[in-house]
Amino acid sequence: MILDLMNTEMPPNSTGAYSLGRSRLHGGGFTIVELLTSIAAVAILIALVIHAATAVRTASERASEMASARSLGIAWNGYATDHRGAVLPGYASGFEAVDANGDSIATQTVPIAARRWPLRLAPYLGHDLASLYSGPNRDYATEIAVLPNDESLYAVSAFPSFGMNSVFVGGDENFGGYSDIFLETFGRFYVERLSGVQRPDRLIIFATSRTNESTPGSTGPIREGFFRVLPPAWTLPLWADDYDPADPASAGFVSPRHRQGESEVAIVTTVDGGVSTSTIDELRDLRRWSNAANVADWVMEPIGP
């Protein structure tokens, strides 16, 4: 019987070829499991490529804005050098601002704009006002370039990419700066000269900023860039206990708009020209904001009777 079976010829199939069994017929194809595995592997590779590209782009944007922060620090120090060590006023009237032609920009001509630091620092940036825009609002420079001159200067003064720590560096009229009463009560609480800075590697001048003011004083959608950043405390706390990304004022208008590893970080420039990144929690240390602060949770107090 066995010999008969072995000697029996296999019947040809419809093509005239002899069938060699199911394993031979399907030996050159893919099973569903193999196909799904291949698709999953390709998807993982695509995700890895996208992640790597995003990381490179993020790092590039952060490096570009850090370069802008460094340029601001150089310009700020250039102002102090030309003014015999006196630092750039933060927010104040009575200080001259000039345009690229050397003509005075009067507060009466551009309301309030000449009080803000960007127009006074402009000569030390070669009057390249576009250099005040970096990071996510870089394209805003193109938008304001087509505005009438007064409107353009106002927008530049109000919404640069970086805000200044004007409360404690240079002085701010809205926070007791240049006020005889405040100076008598609290002493010289803000830096006016480079020689008075105790820790130039720690004291913040500029930080990436954001606001929800469509024009200063009126609310609107959140936008990156604002001329002022506030310290965590002044005569009272100014920051909320918990940072709310939907409320720029909750962290003094500081913008942690960059990612570094798993952290959201802001870019800051210090008096010595250094540029670094810090999280919001790291920036809660008042010693980074005030020359007079000696502890992290310092609050400005009257100097006595």
C-alpha atoms as a PDB file:
ATOM      1  CA  MET A   1       0.000   0.000   0.000  1.00  0.00           C
ATOM      2  CA  ILE A   2       2.723   2.436   0.956  1.00  0.00           C
ATOM      3  CA  LEU A   3       4.671   1.665  -2.217  1.00  0.00           C
ATOM      4  CA  ASP A   4       1.538   2.207  -4.310  1.00  0.00           C
ATOM      5  CA  LEU A   5       1.055   5.639  -2.787  1.00  0.00           C
ATOM      6  CA  MET A   6       4.673   6.591  -3.398  1.00  0.00           C
ATOM      7  CA  ASN A   7       4.496   5.517  -7.007  1.00  0.00           C
ATOM      8  CA  THR A   8       1.264   7.381  -7.669  1.00  0.00           C
ATOM      9  CA  GLU A   9       1.846  10.545  -9.727  1.00  0.00           C
ATOM     10  CA  MET A  10       0.601  13.855  -8.288  1.00  0.00           C
ATOM     11  CA  PRO A  11      -2.228  15.350 -10.357  1.00  0.00           C
ATOM     12  CA  PRO A  12      -1.413  18.513 -12.241  1.00  0.00           C
ATOM     13  CA  ASN A  13      -3.155  21.747 -11.269  1.00  0.00           C
ATOM     14  CA  SER A  14      -5.084  24.014 -13.628  1.00  0.00           C
ATOM     15  CA  THR A  15      -1.862  25.533 -15.023  1.00  0.00           C
ATOM     16  CA  GLY A  16      -0.332  22.191 -15.768  1.00  0.00           C
ATOM     17  CA  ALA A  17       2.101  22.471 -12.870  1.00  0.00           C
ATOM     18  CA  TYR A  18       2.122  19.988 -10.080  1.00  0.00           C
ATOM     19  CA  SER A  19       0.996  21.283  -6.645  1.00  0.00           C
ATOM     20  CA  LEU A  20       3.710  21.076  -3.990  1.00  0.00           C
ATOM     21  CA  GLY A  21       1.440  21.887  -1.031  1.00  0.00           C
ATOM     22  CA  ARG A  22       0.283  25.028   0.807  1.00  0.00           C
ATOM     23  CA  SER A  23       3.666  25.889   2.327  1.00  0.00           C
ATOM     24  CA  ARG A  24       5.339  26.110  -1.096  1.00  0.00           C
ATOM     25  CA  LEU A  25       2.511  28.140  -2.633  1.00  0.00           C
ATOM     26  CA  HIS A  26       2.700  30.840   0.052  1.00  0.00           C
ATOM     27  CA  GLY A  27       6.422  30.768   0.735  1.00  0.00           C
ATOM     28  CA  GLY A  28       7.188  34.046  -1.152  1.00  0.00           C
ATOM     29  CA  GLY A  29       4.425  36.262   0.360  1.00  0.00           C
ATOM     30  CA  PHE A  30       3.646  38.052   3.676  1.00  0.00           C
ATOM     31  CA  THR A  31       1.268  36.943   6.340  1.00  0.00           C
ATOM     32  CA  ILE A  32      -1.068  39.525   7.895  1.00  0.00           C
ATOM     33  CA  VAL A  33       1.014  39.502  11.080  1.00  0.00           C
ATOM     34  CA  GLU A  34       4.206  40.218   9.121  1.00  0.00           C
ATOM     35  CA  LEU A  35       2.503  43.021   7.200  1.00  0.00           C
ATOM     36  CA  LEU A  36       1.185  44.671  10.368  1.00  0.00           C
ATOM     37  CA  THR A  37       4.588  44.361  12.003  1.00  0.00           C
ATOM     38  CA  SER A  38       6.220  46.077   9.023  1.00  0.00           C
ATOM     39  CA  ILE A  39       3.683  48.902   9.078  1.00  0.00           C
ATOM     40  CA  ALA A  40       4.248  49.398  12.820  1.00  0.00           C
ATOM     41  CA  ALA A  41       8.016  49.501  12.323  1.00  0.00           C
ATOM     42  CA  VAL A  42       7.688  52.120   9.584  1.00  0.00           C
ATOM     43  CA  ALA A  43       5.348  54.185  11.784  1.00  0.00           C
ATOM     44  CA  ILE A  44       7.841  54.079  14.634  1.00  0.00           C
ATOM     45  CA  LEU A  45      10.651  55.175  12.322  1.00  0.00           C
ATOM     46  CA  ILE A  46       8.550  58.078  11.015  1.00  0.00           C
ATOM     47  CA  ALA A  47       7.711  59.131  14.586  1.00  0.00           C
ATOM     48  CA  LEU A  48      11.392  59.035  15.534  1.00  0.00           C
ATOM     49  CA  VAL A  49      12.323  61.153  12.517  1.00  0.00           C
ATOM     50  CA  ILE A  50       9.591  63.707  13.302  1.00  0.00           C
ATOM     51  CA  HIS A  51      10.677  63.833  16.960  1.00  0.00           C
ATOM     52  CA  ALA A  52      14.303  64.348  15.986  1.00  0.00           C
ATOM     53  CA  ALA A  53      13.389  67.069  13.483  1.00  0.00           C
ATOM     54  CA  THR A  54      11.215  68.814  16.075  1.00  0.00           C
ATOM     55  CA  ALA A  55      14.012  68.659  18.641  1.00  0.00           C
ATOM     56  CA  VAL A  56      16.481  70.143  16.162  1.00  0.00           C
ATOM     57  CA  ARG A  57      14.048  72.923  15.224  1.00  0.00           C
ATOM     58  CA  THR A  58      13.331  73.677  18.882  1.00  0.00           C
ATOM     59  CA  ALA A  59      17.025  73.851  19.708  1.00  0.00           C
ATOM     60  CA  SER A  60      17.646  76.060  16.692  1.00  0.00           C
ATOM     61  CA  GLU A  61      14.889  78.502  17.670  1.00  0.00           C
ATOM     62  CA  ARG A  62      16.187  78.639  21.235  1.00  0.00           C
ATOM     63  CA  ALA A  63      19.757  79.262  20.062  1.00  0.00           C
ATOM     64  CA  SER A  64      18.580  82.001  17.688  1.00  0.00           C
ATOM     65  CA  GLU A  65      16.680  83.835  20.410  1.00  0.00           C
ATOM     66  CA  MET A  66      19.596  83.452  22.823  1.00  0.00           C
ATOM     67  CA  ALA A  67      21.743  85.201  20.209  1.00  0.00           C
ATOM     68  CA  SER A  68      19.209  88.045  20.157  1.00  0.00           C
ATOM     69  CA  ALA A  69      19.328  88.209  23.951  1.00  0.00           C
ATOM     70  CA  ARG A  70      23.115  88.478  23.791  1.00  0.00           C
ATOM     71  CA  SER A  71      22.863  91.366  21.320  1.00  0.00           C
ATOM     72  CA  LEU A  72      20.526  93.180  23.705  1.00  0.00           C
ATOM     73  CA  GLY A  73      23.025  92.726  26.533  1.00  0.00           C
ATOM     74  CA  ILE A  74      25.841  94.160  24.402  1.00  0.00           C
ATOM     75  CA  ALA A  75      23.701  97.152  23.398  1.00  0.00           C
ATOM     76  CA  TRP A  76      22.615  97.755  27.013  1.00  0.00           C
ATOM     77  CA  ASN A  77      26.225  97.778  28.190  1.00  0.00           C
ATOM     78  CA  GLY A  78      27.133 100.029  25.262  1.00  0.00           C
ATOM     79  CA  TYR A  79      24.613 102.588  26.512  1.00  0.00           C
ATOM     80  CA  ALA A  80      26.154 102.480  30.000  1.00  0.00           C
ATOM     81  CA  THR A  81      29.648 102.927  28.563  1.00  0.00           C
ATOM     82  CA  ASP A  82      28.584 106.020  26.610  1.00  0.00           C
ATOM     83  CA  HIS A  83      26.834 107.453  29.669  1.00  0.00           C
ATOM     84  CA  ARG A  84      29.752 107.057  32.093  1.00  0.00           C
ATOM     85  CA  GLY A  85      28.319 104.029  33.825  1.00  0.00           C
ATOM     86  CA  ALA A  86      24.703 105.206  34.081  1.00  0.00           C
ATOM     87  CA  VAL A  87      22.361 102.405  33.017  1.00  0.00           C
ATOM     88  CA  LEU A  88      19.503 102.668  30.558  1.00  0.00           C
ATOM     89  CA  PRO A  89      16.329 104.055  32.222  1.00  0.00           C
ATOM     90  CA  GLY A  90      13.630 101.403  32.220  1.00  0.00           C
ATOM     91  CA  TYR A  91      10.394 103.367  31.987  1.00  0.00           C
ATOM     92  CA  ALA A  92      10.695 107.095  32.505  1.00  0.00           C
ATOM     93  CA  SER A  93       9.848 110.453  31.003  1.00  0.00           C
ATOM     94  CA  GLY A  94      12.417 113.152  30.382  1.00  0.00           C
ATOM     95  CA  PHE A  95      14.977 110.927  28.659  1.00  0.00           C
ATOM     96  CA  GLU A  96      15.767 111.403  24.996  1.00  0.00           C
ATOM     97  CA  ALA A  97      14.948 108.902  22.280  1.00  0.00           C
ATOM     98  CA  VAL A  98      16.027 109.534  18.698  1.00  0.00           C
ATOM     99  CA  ASP A  99      15.224 107.992  15.340  1.00  0.00           C
ATOM    100  CA  ALA A 100      17.666 106.821  12.678  1.00  0.00           C
ATOM    101  CA  ASN A 101      18.066 110.405  11.429  1.00  0.00           C
ATOM    102  CA  GLY A 102      19.005 111.633  14.872  1.00  0.00           C
ATOM    103  CA  ASP A 103      15.726 113.487  15.311  1.00  0.00           C
ATOM    104  CA  SER A 104      14.147 113.468  18.747  1.00  0.00           C
ATOM    105  CA  ILE A 105      11.180 111.167  19.314  1.00  0.00           C
ATOM    106  CA  ALA A 106       8.992 113.237  21.596  1.00  0.00           C
ATOM    107  CA  THR A 107       6.431 111.734  23.931  1.00  0.00           C
ATOM    108  CA  GLN A 108       3.933 114.194  22.511  1.00  0.00           C
ATOM    109  CA  THR A 109       4.535 112.817  19.011  1.00  0.00           C
ATOM    110  CA  VAL A 110       4.412 109.146  19.904  1.00  0.00           C
ATOM    111  CA  PRO A 111       2.366 108.932  23.118  1.00  0.00           C
ATOM    112  CA  ILE A 112       4.231 107.132  25.908  1.00  0.00           C
ATOM    113  CA  ALA A 113       6.491 105.258  23.452  1.00  0.00           C
ATOM    114  CA  ALA A 114       9.543 107.399  24.180  1.00  0.00           C
ATOM    115  CA  ARG A 115       9.280 106.460  27.860  1.00  0.00           C
ATOM    116  CA  ARG A 116       9.996 102.821  27.105  1.00  0.00           C
ATOM    117  CA  TRP A 117      13.471 101.353  26.724  1.00  0.00           C
ATOM    118  CA  PRO A 118      13.332 100.009  23.105  1.00  0.00           C
ATOM    119  CA  LEU A 119      13.423 103.405  21.403  1.00  0.00           C
ATOM    120  CA  ARG A 120      16.224 104.645  23.664  1.00  0.00           C
ATOM    121  CA  LEU A 121      18.289 101.516  23.070  1.00  0.00           C
ATOM    122  CA  ALA A 122      17.693 101.604  19.296  1.00  0.00           C
ATOM    123  CA  PRO A 123      20.852 103.645  18.477  1.00  0.00           C
ATOM    124  CA  TYR A 124      22.950 100.882  20.070  1.00  0.00           C
ATOM    125  CA  LEU A 125      21.247  98.349  17.827  1.00  0.00           C
ATOM    126  CA  GLY A 126      22.056 100.378  14.721  1.00  0.00           C
ATOM    127  CA  HIS A 127      18.400 101.469  14.641  1.00  0.00           C
ATOM    128  CA  ASP A 128      17.623  97.987  13.376  1.00  0.00           C
ATOM    129  CA  LEU A 129      14.219  97.777  15.048  1.00  0.00           C
ATOM    130  CA  ALA A 130      13.623  94.350  13.516  1.00  0.00           C
ATOM    131  CA  SER A 131      16.372  93.020  15.802  1.00  0.00           C
ATOM    132  CA  LEU A 132      14.000  93.575  18.723  1.00  0.00           C
ATOM    133  CA  TYR A 133      11.880  90.750  17.351  1.00  0.00           C
ATOM    134  CA  SER A 134      12.985  87.157  17.674  1.00  0.00           C
ATOM    135  CA  GLY A 135      11.489  83.757  18.312  1.00  0.00           C
ATOM    136  CA  PRO A 136       7.764  83.274  17.622  1.00  0.00           C
ATOM    137  CA  ASN A 137       7.032  86.952  16.924  1.00  0.00           C
ATOM    138  CA  ARG A 138       9.866  87.483  14.448  1.00  0.00           C
ATOM    139  CA  ASP A 139       7.352  87.926  11.634  1.00  0.00           C
ATOM    140  CA  TYR A 140       5.694  90.768  13.530  1.00  0.00           C
ATOM    141  CA  ALA A 141       8.562  93.043  12.449  1.00  0.00           C
ATOM    142  CA  THR A 142       7.378  92.692   8.851  1.00  0.00           C
ATOM    143  CA  GLU A 143       3.809  93.569   9.808  1.00  0.00           C
ATOM    144  CA  ILE A 144       4.683  96.770  11.662  1.00  0.00           C
ATOM    145  CA  ALA A 145       7.111  97.933   8.955  1.00  0.00           C
ATOM    146  CA  VAL A 146       4.171  98.944   6.740  1.00  0.00           C
ATOM    147  CA  LEU A 147       2.427 100.966   9.472  1.00  0.00           C
ATOM    148  CA  PRO A 148       2.621 104.768   9.610  1.00  0.00           C
ATOM    149  CA  ASN A 149       5.767 105.875  11.428  1.00  0.00           C
ATOM    150  CA  ASP A 150       4.093 106.890  14.704  1.00  0.00           C
ATOM    151  CA  GLU A 151       2.130 103.627  14.896  1.00  0.00           C
ATOM    152  CA  SER A 152       5.209 101.604  14.023  1.00  0.00           C
ATOM    153  CA  LEU A 153       7.336 103.254  16.733  1.00  0.00           C
ATOM    154  CA  TYR A 154       4.565 102.765  19.272  1.00  0.00           C
ATOM    155  CA  ALA A 155       4.256  99.042  18.435  1.00  0.00           C
ATOM    156  CA  VAL A 156       8.034  98.560  18.628  1.00  0.00           C
ATOM    157  CA  SER A 157       8.150 100.241  22.033  1.00  0.00           C
ATOM    158  CA  ALA A 158       5.299  98.160  23.440  1.00  0.00           C
ATOM    159  CA  PHE A 159       5.848  94.636  22.137  1.00  0.00           C
ATOM    160  CA  PRO A 160       9.527  93.701  21.711  1.00  0.00           C
ATOM    161  CA  SER A 161      10.377  90.034  22.196  1.00  0.00           C
ATOM    162  CA  PHE A 162      12.092  90.765  25.506  1.00  0.00           C
ATOM    163  CA  GLY A 163      10.851  92.663  28.520  1.00  0.00           C
ATOM    164  CA  MET A 164      13.086  94.684  30.812  1.00  0.00           C
ATOM    165  CA  ASN A 165      13.393  94.277  34.572  1.00  0.00           C
ATOM    166  CA  SER A 166      12.771  97.992  34.895  1.00  0.00           C
ATOM    167  CA  VAL A 167      11.450  97.871  38.475  1.00  0.00           C
ATOM    168  CA  PHE A 168      14.916  97.078  39.825  1.00  0.00           C
ATOM    169  CA  VAL A 169      17.185  97.987  36.897  1.00  0.00           C
ATOM    170  CA  GLY A 170      17.035 101.486  35.462  1.00  0.00           C
ATOM    171  CA  GLY A 171      13.891 102.520  37.324  1.00  0.00           C
ATOM    172  CA  ASP A 172      10.210 102.457  36.426  1.00  0.00           C
ATOM    173  CA  GLU A 173       7.859 105.397  37.011  1.00  0.00           C
ATOM    174  CA  ASN A 174       4.935 103.002  37.439  1.00  0.00           C
ATOM    175  CA  PHE A 175       6.739 101.262  40.318  1.00  0.00           C
ATOM    176  CA  GLY A 176       8.166 104.114  42.347  1.00  0.00           C
ATOM    177  CA  GLY A 177      11.074 104.928  40.100  1.00  0.00           C
ATOM    178  CA  TYR A 178      12.251 108.552  40.134  1.00  0.00           C
ATOM    179  CA  SER A 179       9.797 109.291  42.947  1.00  0.00           C
ATOM    180  CA  ASP A 180      11.249 111.298  45.854  1.00  0.00           C
ATOM    181  CA  ILE A 181       8.678 109.805  48.212  1.00  0.00           C
ATOM    182  CA  PHE A 182       9.574 106.225  47.269  1.00  0.00           C
ATOM    183  CA  LEU A 183      13.298 106.936  47.440  1.00  0.00           C
ATOM    184  CA  GLU A 184      12.960 108.458  50.889  1.00  0.00           C
ATOM    185  CA  THR A 185      10.856 105.513  52.063  1.00  0.00           C
ATOM    186  CA  PHE A 186      12.740 102.607  50.511  1.00  0.00           C
ATOM    187  CA  GLY A 187      16.125 104.048  49.631  1.00  0.00           C
ATOM    188  CA  ARG A 188      17.772 103.658  46.220  1.00  0.00           C
ATOM    189  CA  PHE A 189      16.074 100.347  45.491  1.00  0.00           C
ATOM    190  CA  TYR A 190      16.854 100.171  41.773  1.00  0.00           C
ATOM    191  CA  VAL A 191      20.184 100.123  39.972  1.00  0.00           C
ATOM    192  CA  GLU A 192      21.185 103.370  38.285  1.00  0.00           C
ATOM    193  CA  ARG A 193      24.903 102.753  37.721  1.00  0.00           C
ATOM    194  CA  LEU A 194      26.940  99.705  36.744  1.00  0.00           C
ATOM    195  CA  SER A 195      29.282 100.299  39.640  1.00  0.00           C
ATOM    196  CA  GLY A 196      26.430  99.655  42.067  1.00  0.00           C
ATOM    197  CA  VAL A 197      25.695  96.125  40.857  1.00  0.00           C
ATOM    198  CA  GLN A 198      26.852  93.526  43.376  1.00  0.00           C
ATOM    199  CA  ARG A 199      26.344  90.372  41.298  1.00  0.00           C
ATOM    200  CA  PRO A 200      26.397  91.240  37.570  1.00  0.00           C
ATOM    201  CA  ASP A 201      26.316  87.534  36.693  1.00  0.00           C
ATOM    202  CA  ARG A 202      23.016  87.114  38.525  1.00  0.00           C
ATOM    203  CA  LEU A 203      21.037  90.341  38.101  1.00  0.00           C
ATOM    204  CA  ILE A 204      18.520  90.053  35.255  1.00  0.00           C
ATOM    205  CA  ILE A 205      18.114  92.869  32.717  1.00  0.00           C
ATOM    206  CA  PHE A 206      15.944  91.223  30.040  1.00  0.00           C
ATOM    207  CA  ALA A 207      13.739  88.133  29.801  1.00  0.00           C
ATOM    208  CA  THR A 208      11.551  86.643  27.076  1.00  0.00           C
ATOM    209  CA  SER A 209       8.098  88.102  27.597  1.00  0.00           C
ATOM    210  CA  ARG A 210       4.437  87.747  26.735  1.00  0.00           C
ATOM    211  CA  THR A 211       1.194  89.599  27.418  1.00  0.00           C
ATOM    212  CA  ASN A 212      -2.554  89.570  26.854  1.00  0.00           C
ATOM    213  CA  GLU A 213      -2.684  93.325  26.268  1.00  0.00           C
ATOM    214  CA  SER A 214      -3.655  94.151  22.686  1.00  0.00           C
ATOM    215  CA  THR A 215      -2.501  97.654  23.579  1.00  0.00           C
ATOM    216  CA  PRO A 216      -0.975  98.330  27.009  1.00  0.00           C
ATOM    217  CA  GLY A 217      -3.846  98.595  29.439  1.00  0.00           C
ATOM    218  CA  SER A 218      -6.461  96.751  27.369  1.00  0.00           C
ATOM    219  CA  THR A 219      -6.923  93.008  27.321  1.00  0.00           C
ATOM    220  CA  GLY A 220      -6.811  90.851  24.224  1.00  0.00           C
ATOM    221  CA  PRO A 221      -5.433  87.519  23.021  1.00  0.00           C
ATOM    222  CA  ILE A 222      -2.114  86.329  24.419  1.00  0.00           C
ATOM    223  CA  ARG A 223       0.822  87.488  22.330  1.00  0.00           C
ATOM    224  CA  GLU A 224       4.531  86.889  22.684  1.00  0.00           C
ATOM    225  CA  GLY A 225       6.548  90.009  23.455  1.00  0.00           C
ATOM    226  CA  PHE A 226       6.085  92.838  25.969  1.00  0.00           C
ATOM    227  CA  PHE A 227       8.351  95.700  27.036  1.00  0.00           C
ATOM    228  CA  ARG A 228       8.250  95.025  30.792  1.00  0.00           C
ATOM    229  CA  VAL A 229       8.787  91.950  32.943  1.00  0.00           C
ATOM    230  CA  LEU A 230       7.923  92.197  36.620  1.00  0.00           C
ATOM    231  CA  PRO A 231       9.873  90.610  39.495  1.00  0.00           C
ATOM    232  CA  PRO A 232       8.165  88.032  41.717  1.00  0.00           C
ATOM    233  CA  ALA A 233       7.765  90.682  44.438  1.00  0.00           C
ATOM    234  CA  TRP A 234       8.134  94.401  44.986  1.00  0.00           C
ATOM    235  CA  THR A 235       6.529  95.952  48.081  1.00  0.00           C
ATOM    236  CA  LEU A 236       4.134  93.007  47.820  1.00  0.00           C
ATOM    237  CA  PRO A 237       4.099  89.736  45.829  1.00  0.00           C
ATOM    238  CA  LEU A 238       3.528  90.283  42.103  1.00  0.00           C
ATOM    239  CA  TRP A 239       3.489  86.675  40.878  1.00  0.00           C
ATOM    240  CA  ALA A 240       0.789  84.101  41.528  1.00  0.00           C
ATOM    241  CA  ASP A 241       1.670  81.056  43.600  1.00  0.00           C
ATOM    242  CA  ASP A 242       1.070  78.879  40.550  1.00  0.00           C
ATOM    243  CA  TYR A 243       1.994  79.872  37.012  1.00  0.00           C
ATOM    244  CA  ASP A 244      -0.993  79.919  34.655  1.00  0.00           C
ATOM    245  CA  PRO A 245       0.009  79.810  30.942  1.00  0.00           C
ATOM    246  CA  ALA A 246      -3.316  81.479  30.115  1.00  0.00           C
ATOM    247  CA  ASP A 247      -2.465  84.451  32.361  1.00  0.00           C
ATOM    248  CA  PRO A 248       0.883  86.110  31.492  1.00  0.00           C
ATOM    249  CA  ALA A 249       0.649  88.333  34.584  1.00  0.00           C
ATOM    250  CA  SER A 250       0.783  85.255  36.821  1.00  0.00           C
ATOM    251  CA  ALA A 251       4.554  85.150  36.218  1.00  0.00           C
ATOM    252  CA  GLY A 252       5.191  88.848  35.748  1.00  0.00           C
ATOM    253  CA  PHE A 253       4.850  88.648  31.925  1.00  0.00           C
ATOM    254  CA  VAL A 254       7.901  86.374  31.703  1.00  0.00           C
ATOM    255  CA  SER A 255       7.463  83.893  28.843  1.00  0.00           C
ATOM    256  CA  PRO A 256       8.816  80.332  29.219  1.00  0.00           C
ATOM    257  CA  ARG A 257       8.236  79.820  25.509  1.00  0.00           C
ATOM    258  CA  HIS A 258      11.172  77.500  24.846  1.00  0.00           C
ATOM    259  CA  ARG A 259      11.637  73.842  25.634  1.00  0.00           C
ATOM    260  CA  GLN A 260      14.847  72.424  27.025  1.00  0.00           C
ATOM    261  CA  GLY A 261      14.604  68.733  27.681  1.00  0.00           C
ATOM    262  CA  GLU A 262      11.342  68.233  29.533  1.00  0.00           C
ATOM    263  CA  SER A 263      11.214  71.800  30.871  1.00  0.00           C
ATOM    264  CA  GLU A 264       9.651  75.006  29.607  1.00  0.00           C
ATOM    265  CA  VAL A 265      12.201  77.787  29.969  1.00  0.00           C
ATOM    266  CA  ALA A 266      12.559  81.533  29.540  1.00  0.00           C
ATOM    267  CA  ILE A 267      15.709  83.160  28.178  1.00  0.00           C
ATOM    268  CA  VAL A 268      17.304  85.828  30.367  1.00  0.00           C
ATOM    269  CA  THR A 269      20.158  88.308  29.957  1.00  0.00           C
ATOM    270  CA  THR A 270      22.192  89.428  32.968  1.00  0.00           C
ATOM    271  CA  VAL A 271      24.215  92.588  33.620  1.00  0.00           C
ATOM    272  CA  ASP A 272      27.511  90.897  32.727  1.00  0.00           C
ATOM    273  CA  GLY A 273      26.131  90.095  29.256  1.00  0.00           C
ATOM    274  CA  GLY A 274      25.516  86.459  30.077  1.00  0.00           C
ATOM    275  CA  VAL A 275      22.566  84.622  28.529  1.00  0.00           C
ATOM    276  CA  SER A 276      20.926  81.581  30.064  1.00  0.00           C
ATOM    277  CA  THR A 277      17.661  79.681  30.346  1.00  0.00           C
ATOM    278  CA  SER A 278      15.558  79.290  33.481  1.00  0.00           C
ATOM    279  CA  THR A 279      12.243  77.786  34.465  1.00  0.00           C
ATOM    280  CA  ILE A 280       9.548  79.915  36.081  1.00  0.00           C
ATOM    281  CA  ASP A 281      10.221  78.276  39.444  1.00  0.00           C
ATOM    282  CA  GLU A 282      13.929  79.069  39.181  1.00  0.00           C
ATOM    283  CA  LEU A 283      13.067  82.692  38.452  1.00  0.00           C
ATOM    284  CA  ARG A 284      11.079  83.046  41.672  1.00  0.00           C
ATOM    285  CA  ASP A 285      14.359  83.835  43.460  1.00  0.00           C
ATOM    286  CA  LEU A 286      14.297  87.615  44.139  1.00  0.00           C
ATOM    287  CA  ARG A 287      18.100  87.687  44.253  1.00  0.00           C
ATOM    288  CA  ARG A 288      18.043  87.369  40.478  1.00  0.00           C
ATOM    289  CA  TRP A 289      15.871  90.459  40.143  1.00  0.00           C
ATOM    290  CA  SER A 290      16.915  92.898  42.842  1.00  0.00           C
ATOM    291  CA  ASN A 291      20.400  94.098  43.689  1.00  0.00           C
ATOM    292  CA  ALA A 292      19.221  94.591  47.282  1.00  0.00           C
ATOM    293  CA  ALA A 293      17.653  91.149  47.798  1.00  0.00           C
ATOM    294  CA  ASN A 294      19.581  88.877  50.159  1.00  0.00           C
ATOM    295  CA  VAL A 295      17.121  85.980  50.330  1.00  0.00           C
ATOM    296  CA  ALA A 296      15.020  84.242  47.683  1.00  0.00           C
ATOM    297  CA  ASP A 297      11.672  85.374  49.131  1.00  0.00           C
ATOM    298  CA  TRP A 298      12.757  88.981  49.747  1.00  0.00           C
ATOM    299  CA  VAL A 299      10.144  91.762  49.656  1.00  0.00           C
ATOM    300  CA  MET A 300      11.021  95.463  49.563  1.00  0.00           C
ATOM    301  CA  GLU A 301      10.406  97.133  52.931  1.00  0.00           C
ATOM    302  CA  PRO A 302      10.759 100.698  54.242  1.00  0.00           C
ATOM    303  CA  ILE A 303      14.270 101.530  55.392  1.00  0.00           C
ATOM    304  CA  GLY A 304      13.026 102.856  58.755  1.00  0.00           C
ATOM    305  CA  PRO A 305      12.019 106.113  60.433  1.00  0.00           C
END
